[in-house]
Amino acid sequence: MSKNDPKKFLMYYRIAEYLLDGLSKRQISKKIGISRNTLHSILNEPEFNQFYERLCNELYQSLKNHYISLVRLTIQNIEKYLQDKDIDVKEKMKICLGVLRSCNIEIKF
């Protein structure tokens, strides 16, 4: 996309944001102040589709990196509890099982 047209960039960004928020095309066109036909034309532009795909990929990478950081932090905290001599073994098991269950990891004995 040409960076010489900030209005077009802003419109693409707003449309993409509303799409990601789950708004209908009718709601989007109303919020932006354009006709549904104009919105459909924009949605069919290869330039918009490239912009939208790039934005979605960037958001996905950002969320993935954030999630990985949270998992690492969780593991570090579990390791602290496991190494703590003042915490009973039964309590350590409860903590570990609770964390695993909160991550939807099924534990069977």
N, C-alpha and C. Protein backbone atom coordinates (compact mmCIF):
# COMPACT_ATOMS: atom_id res chain seq x y z
N MET A 1 0.84 -1.17 0.00
CA MET A 1 0.00 0.00 0.00
C MET A 1 0.88 1.23 0.00
N SER A 2 0.49 2.18 -0.76
CA SER A 2 1.24 3.42 -0.83
C SER A 2 1.11 4.18 0.48
N LYS A 3 2.24 4.57 1.05
CA LYS A 3 2.21 5.33 2.29
C LYS A 3 1.87 6.79 2.02
N ASN A 4 1.70 7.13 0.75
CA ASN A 4 1.35 8.50 0.39
C ASN A 4 -0.13 8.79 0.62
N ASP A 5 -0.91 7.76 0.96
CA ASP A 5 -2.34 7.94 1.13
C ASP A 5 -2.76 7.51 2.54
N PRO A 6 -2.52 8.37 3.54
CA PRO A 6 -2.84 7.99 4.92
C PRO A 6 -4.33 7.77 5.15
N LYS A 7 -5.18 8.46 4.39
CA LYS A 7 -6.63 8.26 4.55
C LYS A 7 -7.03 6.83 4.17
N LYS A 8 -6.43 6.35 3.08
CA LYS A 8 -6.73 4.99 2.63
C LYS A 8 -6.22 3.97 3.65
N PHE A 9 -5.02 4.20 4.17
CA PHE A 9 -4.45 3.32 5.18
C PHE A 9 -5.35 3.29 6.41
N LEU A 10 -5.81 4.45 6.85
CA LEU A 10 -6.68 4.54 8.02
C LEU A 10 -8.00 3.81 7.78
N MET A 11 -8.57 3.96 6.59
CA MET A 11 -9.82 3.28 6.27
C MET A 11 -9.61 1.76 6.27
N TYR A 12 -8.53 1.30 5.65
CA TYR A 12 -8.21 -0.13 5.65
C TYR A 12 -8.08 -0.64 7.08
N TYR A 13 -7.38 0.14 7.90
CA TYR A 13 -7.15 -0.28 9.28
C TYR A 13 -8.47 -0.36 10.04
N ARG A 14 -9.32 0.62 9.89
CA ARG A 14 -10.61 0.63 10.58
C ARG A 14 -11.48 -0.53 10.13
N ILE A 15 -11.51 -0.79 8.82
CA ILE A 15 -12.29 -1.92 8.29
C ILE A 15 -11.77 -3.23 8.87
N ALA A 16 -10.45 -3.39 8.86
CA ALA A 16 -9.84 -4.61 9.40
C ALA A 16 -10.17 -4.77 10.88
N GLU A 17 -10.07 -3.69 11.62
CA GLU A 17 -10.37 -3.73 13.06
C GLU A 17 -11.82 -4.16 13.30
N TYR A 18 -12.75 -3.60 12.53
CA TYR A 18 -14.15 -3.95 12.70
C TYR A 18 -14.42 -5.40 12.28
N LEU A 19 -13.75 -5.86 11.24
CA LEU A 19 -13.89 -7.26 10.83
C LEU A 19 -13.41 -8.19 11.94
N LEU A 20 -12.27 -7.86 12.53
CA LEU A 20 -11.73 -8.68 13.62
C LEU A 20 -12.61 -8.63 14.85
N ASP A 21 -13.34 -7.53 15.04
CA ASP A 21 -14.28 -7.41 16.16
C ASP A 21 -15.57 -8.18 15.90
N GLY A 22 -15.74 -8.67 14.66
CA GLY A 22 -16.92 -9.48 14.33
C GLY A 22 -18.12 -8.68 13.88
N LEU A 23 -17.93 -7.42 13.52
CA LEU A 23 -19.05 -6.62 13.05
C LEU A 23 -19.49 -7.09 11.66
N SER A 24 -20.77 -6.92 11.39
CA SER A 24 -21.29 -7.26 10.07
C SER A 24 -20.85 -6.18 9.07
N LYS A 25 -20.94 -6.52 7.81
CA LYS A 25 -20.57 -5.55 6.77
C LYS A 25 -21.48 -4.33 6.81
N ARG A 26 -22.74 -4.56 7.15
CA ARG A 26 -23.68 -3.43 7.27
C ARG A 26 -23.25 -2.51 8.41
N GLN A 27 -22.88 -3.10 9.55
CA GLN A 27 -22.43 -2.29 10.70
C GLN A 27 -21.14 -1.53 10.36
N ILE A 28 -20.24 -2.20 9.67
CA ILE A 28 -18.96 -1.56 9.31
C ILE A 28 -19.21 -0.37 8.39
N SER A 29 -20.00 -0.59 7.35
CA SER A 29 -20.24 0.50 6.41
C SER A 29 -20.92 1.68 7.10
N LYS A 30 -21.80 1.40 8.04
CA LYS A 30 -22.48 2.47 8.78
C LYS A 30 -21.50 3.23 9.67
N LYS A 31 -20.63 2.50 10.38
CA LYS A 31 -19.65 3.14 11.27
C LYS A 31 -18.66 4.01 10.49
N ILE A 32 -18.26 3.53 9.32
CA ILE A 32 -17.26 4.27 8.55
C ILE A 32 -17.90 5.38 7.71
N GLY A 33 -19.18 5.20 7.41
CA GLY A 33 -19.88 6.23 6.63
C GLY A 33 -19.73 6.03 5.13
N ILE A 34 -19.70 4.76 4.72
CA ILE A 34 -19.65 4.45 3.29
C ILE A 34 -20.78 3.48 2.97
N SER A 35 -21.10 3.37 1.69
CA SER A 35 -22.16 2.44 1.30
C SER A 35 -21.65 1.00 1.38
N ARG A 36 -22.58 0.07 1.46
CA ARG A 36 -22.18 -1.34 1.50
C ARG A 36 -21.50 -1.75 0.19
N ASN A 37 -21.96 -1.14 -0.92
CA ASN A 37 -21.31 -1.45 -2.21
C ASN A 37 -19.86 -1.01 -2.20
N THR A 38 -19.60 0.18 -1.65
CA THR A 38 -18.22 0.66 -1.55
C THR A 38 -17.40 -0.26 -0.66
N LEU A 39 -17.99 -0.68 0.46
CA LEU A 39 -17.28 -1.59 1.36
C LEU A 39 -16.96 -2.90 0.64
N HIS A 40 -17.93 -3.45 -0.08
CA HIS A 40 -17.68 -4.70 -0.81
C HIS A 40 -16.58 -4.52 -1.85
N SER A 41 -16.55 -3.36 -2.48
CA SER A 41 -15.48 -3.09 -3.46
C SER A 41 -14.12 -3.07 -2.77
N ILE A 42 -14.05 -2.43 -1.60
CA ILE A 42 -12.79 -2.36 -0.85
C ILE A 42 -12.37 -3.76 -0.43
N LEU A 43 -13.33 -4.56 0.07
CA LEU A 43 -13.02 -5.91 0.52
C LEU A 43 -12.51 -6.80 -0.61
N ASN A 44 -12.85 -6.47 -1.83
CA ASN A 44 -12.40 -7.25 -2.98
C ASN A 44 -11.08 -6.75 -3.57
N GLU A 45 -10.58 -5.62 -3.08
CA GLU A 45 -9.32 -5.08 -3.59
C GLU A 45 -8.15 -5.96 -3.14
N PRO A 46 -7.28 -6.36 -4.06
CA PRO A 46 -6.11 -7.15 -3.66
C PRO A 46 -5.25 -6.42 -2.64
N GLU A 47 -5.17 -5.10 -2.76
CA GLU A 47 -4.36 -4.30 -1.83
C GLU A 47 -4.91 -4.41 -0.41
N PHE A 48 -6.25 -4.35 -0.27
CA PHE A 48 -6.85 -4.50 1.06
C PHE A 48 -6.61 -5.90 1.59
N ASN A 49 -6.79 -6.90 0.76
CA ASN A 49 -6.61 -8.29 1.20
C ASN A 49 -5.18 -8.55 1.65
N GLN A 50 -4.21 -7.98 0.98
CA GLN A 50 -2.81 -8.11 1.40
C GLN A 50 -2.60 -7.42 2.74
N PHE A 51 -3.18 -6.23 2.89
CA PHE A 51 -3.09 -5.48 4.15
C PHE A 51 -3.71 -6.29 5.29
N TYR A 52 -4.90 -6.81 5.06
CA TYR A 52 -5.64 -7.55 6.09
C TYR A 52 -4.89 -8.83 6.49
N GLU A 53 -4.37 -9.53 5.51
CA GLU A 53 -3.62 -10.76 5.80
C GLU A 53 -2.35 -10.45 6.59
N ARG A 54 -1.65 -9.39 6.21
CA ARG A 54 -0.43 -8.99 6.92
C ARG A 54 -0.76 -8.59 8.36
N LEU A 55 -1.85 -7.84 8.55
CA LEU A 55 -2.27 -7.42 9.89
C LEU A 55 -2.63 -8.64 10.74
N CYS A 56 -3.38 -9.57 10.18
CA CYS A 56 -3.76 -10.78 10.92
C CYS A 56 -2.53 -11.60 11.30
N ASN A 57 -1.57 -11.71 10.39
CA ASN A 57 -0.34 -12.44 10.70
C ASN A 57 0.45 -11.77 11.82
N GLU A 58 0.52 -10.45 11.78
CA GLU A 58 1.23 -9.72 12.84
C GLU A 58 0.53 -9.88 14.19
N LEU A 59 -0.79 -9.83 14.19
CA LEU A 59 -1.54 -10.03 15.43
C LEU A 59 -1.34 -11.45 15.96
N TYR A 60 -1.38 -12.42 15.06
CA TYR A 60 -1.18 -13.82 15.46
C TYR A 60 0.20 -14.01 16.08
N GLN A 61 1.24 -13.47 15.44
CA GLN A 61 2.59 -13.61 15.97
C GLN A 61 2.72 -12.94 17.33
N SER A 62 2.11 -11.79 17.47
CA SER A 62 2.15 -11.07 18.74
C SER A 62 1.46 -11.87 19.85
N LEU A 63 0.28 -12.40 19.55
CA LEU A 63 -0.45 -13.19 20.54
C LEU A 63 0.31 -14.47 20.87
N LYS A 64 0.88 -15.10 19.86
CA LYS A 64 1.65 -16.33 20.09
C LYS A 64 2.85 -16.05 20.98
N ASN A 65 3.57 -14.98 20.72
CA ASN A 65 4.73 -14.62 21.54
C ASN A 65 4.31 -14.31 22.98
N HIS A 66 3.19 -13.62 23.12
CA HIS A 66 2.69 -13.30 24.45
C HIS A 66 2.32 -14.59 25.19
N TYR A 67 1.65 -15.50 24.52
CA TYR A 67 1.25 -16.77 25.12
C TYR A 67 2.48 -17.57 25.54
N ILE A 68 3.48 -17.62 24.70
CA ILE A 68 4.72 -18.34 25.03
C ILE A 68 5.37 -17.73 26.26
N SER A 69 5.37 -16.42 26.36
CA SER A 69 5.93 -15.75 27.55
C SER A 69 5.16 -16.14 28.81
N LEU A 70 3.84 -16.20 28.71
CA LEU A 70 3.03 -16.60 29.86
C LEU A 70 3.31 -18.04 30.27
N VAL A 71 3.47 -18.91 29.29
CA VAL A 71 3.77 -20.32 29.59
C VAL A 71 5.13 -20.42 30.28
N ARG A 72 6.12 -19.69 29.79
CA ARG A 72 7.45 -19.72 30.42
C ARG A 72 7.38 -19.22 31.87
N LEU A 73 6.64 -18.15 32.08
CA LEU A 73 6.49 -17.61 33.43
C LEU A 73 5.79 -18.61 34.34
N THR A 74 4.77 -19.29 33.83
CA THR A 74 4.07 -20.30 34.60
C THR A 74 5.00 -21.43 34.99
N ILE A 75 5.81 -21.89 34.06
CA ILE A 75 6.77 -22.96 34.34
C ILE A 75 7.78 -22.52 35.39
N GLN A 76 8.25 -21.30 35.28
CA GLN A 76 9.20 -20.79 36.28
C GLN A 76 8.57 -20.77 37.67
N ASN A 77 7.31 -20.37 37.75
CA ASN A 77 6.62 -20.33 39.05
C ASN A 77 6.40 -21.74 39.60
N ILE A 78 6.05 -22.68 38.74
CA ILE A 78 5.90 -24.07 39.19
C ILE A 78 7.23 -24.59 39.71
N GLU A 79 8.30 -24.31 39.01
CA GLU A 79 9.62 -24.76 39.45
C GLU A 79 9.97 -24.19 40.83
N LYS A 80 9.59 -22.92 41.07
CA LYS A 80 9.84 -22.32 42.38
C LYS A 80 9.10 -23.08 43.48
N TYR A 81 7.82 -23.39 43.21
CA TYR A 81 7.05 -24.13 44.21
C TYR A 81 7.63 -25.53 44.44
N LEU A 82 8.03 -26.17 43.36
CA LEU A 82 8.56 -27.54 43.50
C LEU A 82 9.87 -27.57 44.28
N GLN A 83 10.63 -26.50 44.21
CA GLN A 83 11.92 -26.46 44.90
C GLN A 83 11.82 -25.94 46.34
N ASP A 84 10.65 -25.44 46.69
CA ASP A 84 10.45 -24.89 48.03
C ASP A 84 10.33 -26.03 49.04
N LYS A 85 11.26 -26.09 49.96
CA LYS A 85 11.30 -27.16 50.96
C LYS A 85 10.18 -27.02 52.00
N ASP A 86 9.60 -25.83 52.12
CA ASP A 86 8.57 -25.59 53.12
C ASP A 86 7.17 -26.02 52.65
N ILE A 87 7.05 -26.36 51.38
CA ILE A 87 5.73 -26.76 50.85
C ILE A 87 5.67 -28.28 50.83
N ASP A 88 4.60 -28.81 51.40
CA ASP A 88 4.36 -30.25 51.47
C ASP A 88 4.23 -30.83 50.06
N VAL A 89 4.64 -32.08 49.89
CA VAL A 89 4.59 -32.75 48.59
C VAL A 89 3.15 -32.78 48.06
N LYS A 90 2.17 -33.03 48.93
CA LYS A 90 0.77 -33.06 48.50
C LYS A 90 0.35 -31.70 47.95
N GLU A 91 0.78 -30.63 48.59
CA GLU A 91 0.45 -29.27 48.12
C GLU A 91 1.12 -29.00 46.77
N LYS A 92 2.35 -29.47 46.63
CA LYS A 92 3.05 -29.31 45.35
C LYS A 92 2.29 -30.00 44.23
N MET A 93 1.78 -31.20 44.51
CA MET A 93 1.01 -31.94 43.50
C MET A 93 -0.27 -31.18 43.15
N LYS A 94 -0.96 -30.65 44.15
CA LYS A 94 -2.19 -29.89 43.90
C LYS A 94 -1.90 -28.68 43.02
N ILE A 95 -0.81 -27.99 43.33
CA ILE A 95 -0.45 -26.80 42.55
C ILE A 95 -0.18 -27.19 41.10
N CYS A 96 0.63 -28.21 40.88
CA CYS A 96 0.99 -28.64 39.53
C CYS A 96 -0.23 -29.11 38.76
N LEU A 97 -1.07 -29.93 39.39
CA LEU A 97 -2.28 -30.42 38.73
C LEU A 97 -3.24 -29.28 38.41
N GLY A 98 -3.34 -28.32 39.32
CA GLY A 98 -4.20 -27.17 39.07
C GLY A 98 -3.75 -26.36 37.87
N VAL A 99 -2.45 -26.16 37.78
CA VAL A 99 -1.92 -25.40 36.63
C VAL A 99 -2.16 -26.17 35.34
N LEU A 100 -1.89 -27.47 35.35
CA LEU A 100 -2.09 -28.27 34.14
C LEU A 100 -3.56 -28.28 33.73
N ARG A 101 -4.45 -28.43 34.69
CA ARG A 101 -5.89 -28.42 34.38
C ARG A 101 -6.33 -27.06 33.85
N SER A 102 -5.75 -25.99 34.36
CA SER A 102 -6.12 -24.65 33.87
C SER A 102 -5.69 -24.45 32.43
N CYS A 103 -4.73 -25.27 31.99
CA CYS A 103 -4.28 -25.23 30.59
C CYS A 103 -5.01 -26.27 29.74
N ASN A 104 -6.08 -26.86 30.31
CA ASN A 104 -6.87 -27.89 29.63
C ASN A 104 -6.06 -29.13 29.30
N ILE A 105 -5.11 -29.45 30.14
CA ILE A 105 -4.34 -30.67 29.97
C ILE A 105 -4.95 -31.71 30.91
N GLU A 106 -5.46 -32.77 30.30
CA GLU A 106 -6.15 -33.79 31.08
C GLU A 106 -5.12 -34.71 31.74
N ILE A 107 -5.31 -34.95 33.02
CA ILE A 107 -4.42 -35.80 33.80
C ILE A 107 -5.20 -37.03 34.23
N LYS A 108 -4.69 -38.22 33.91
CA LYS A 108 -5.32 -39.46 34.35
C LYS A 108 -4.31 -40.29 35.10
N PHE A 109 -4.79 -40.92 36.15
CA PHE A 109 -3.93 -41.80 36.95
C PHE A 109 -4.37 -43.23 36.79
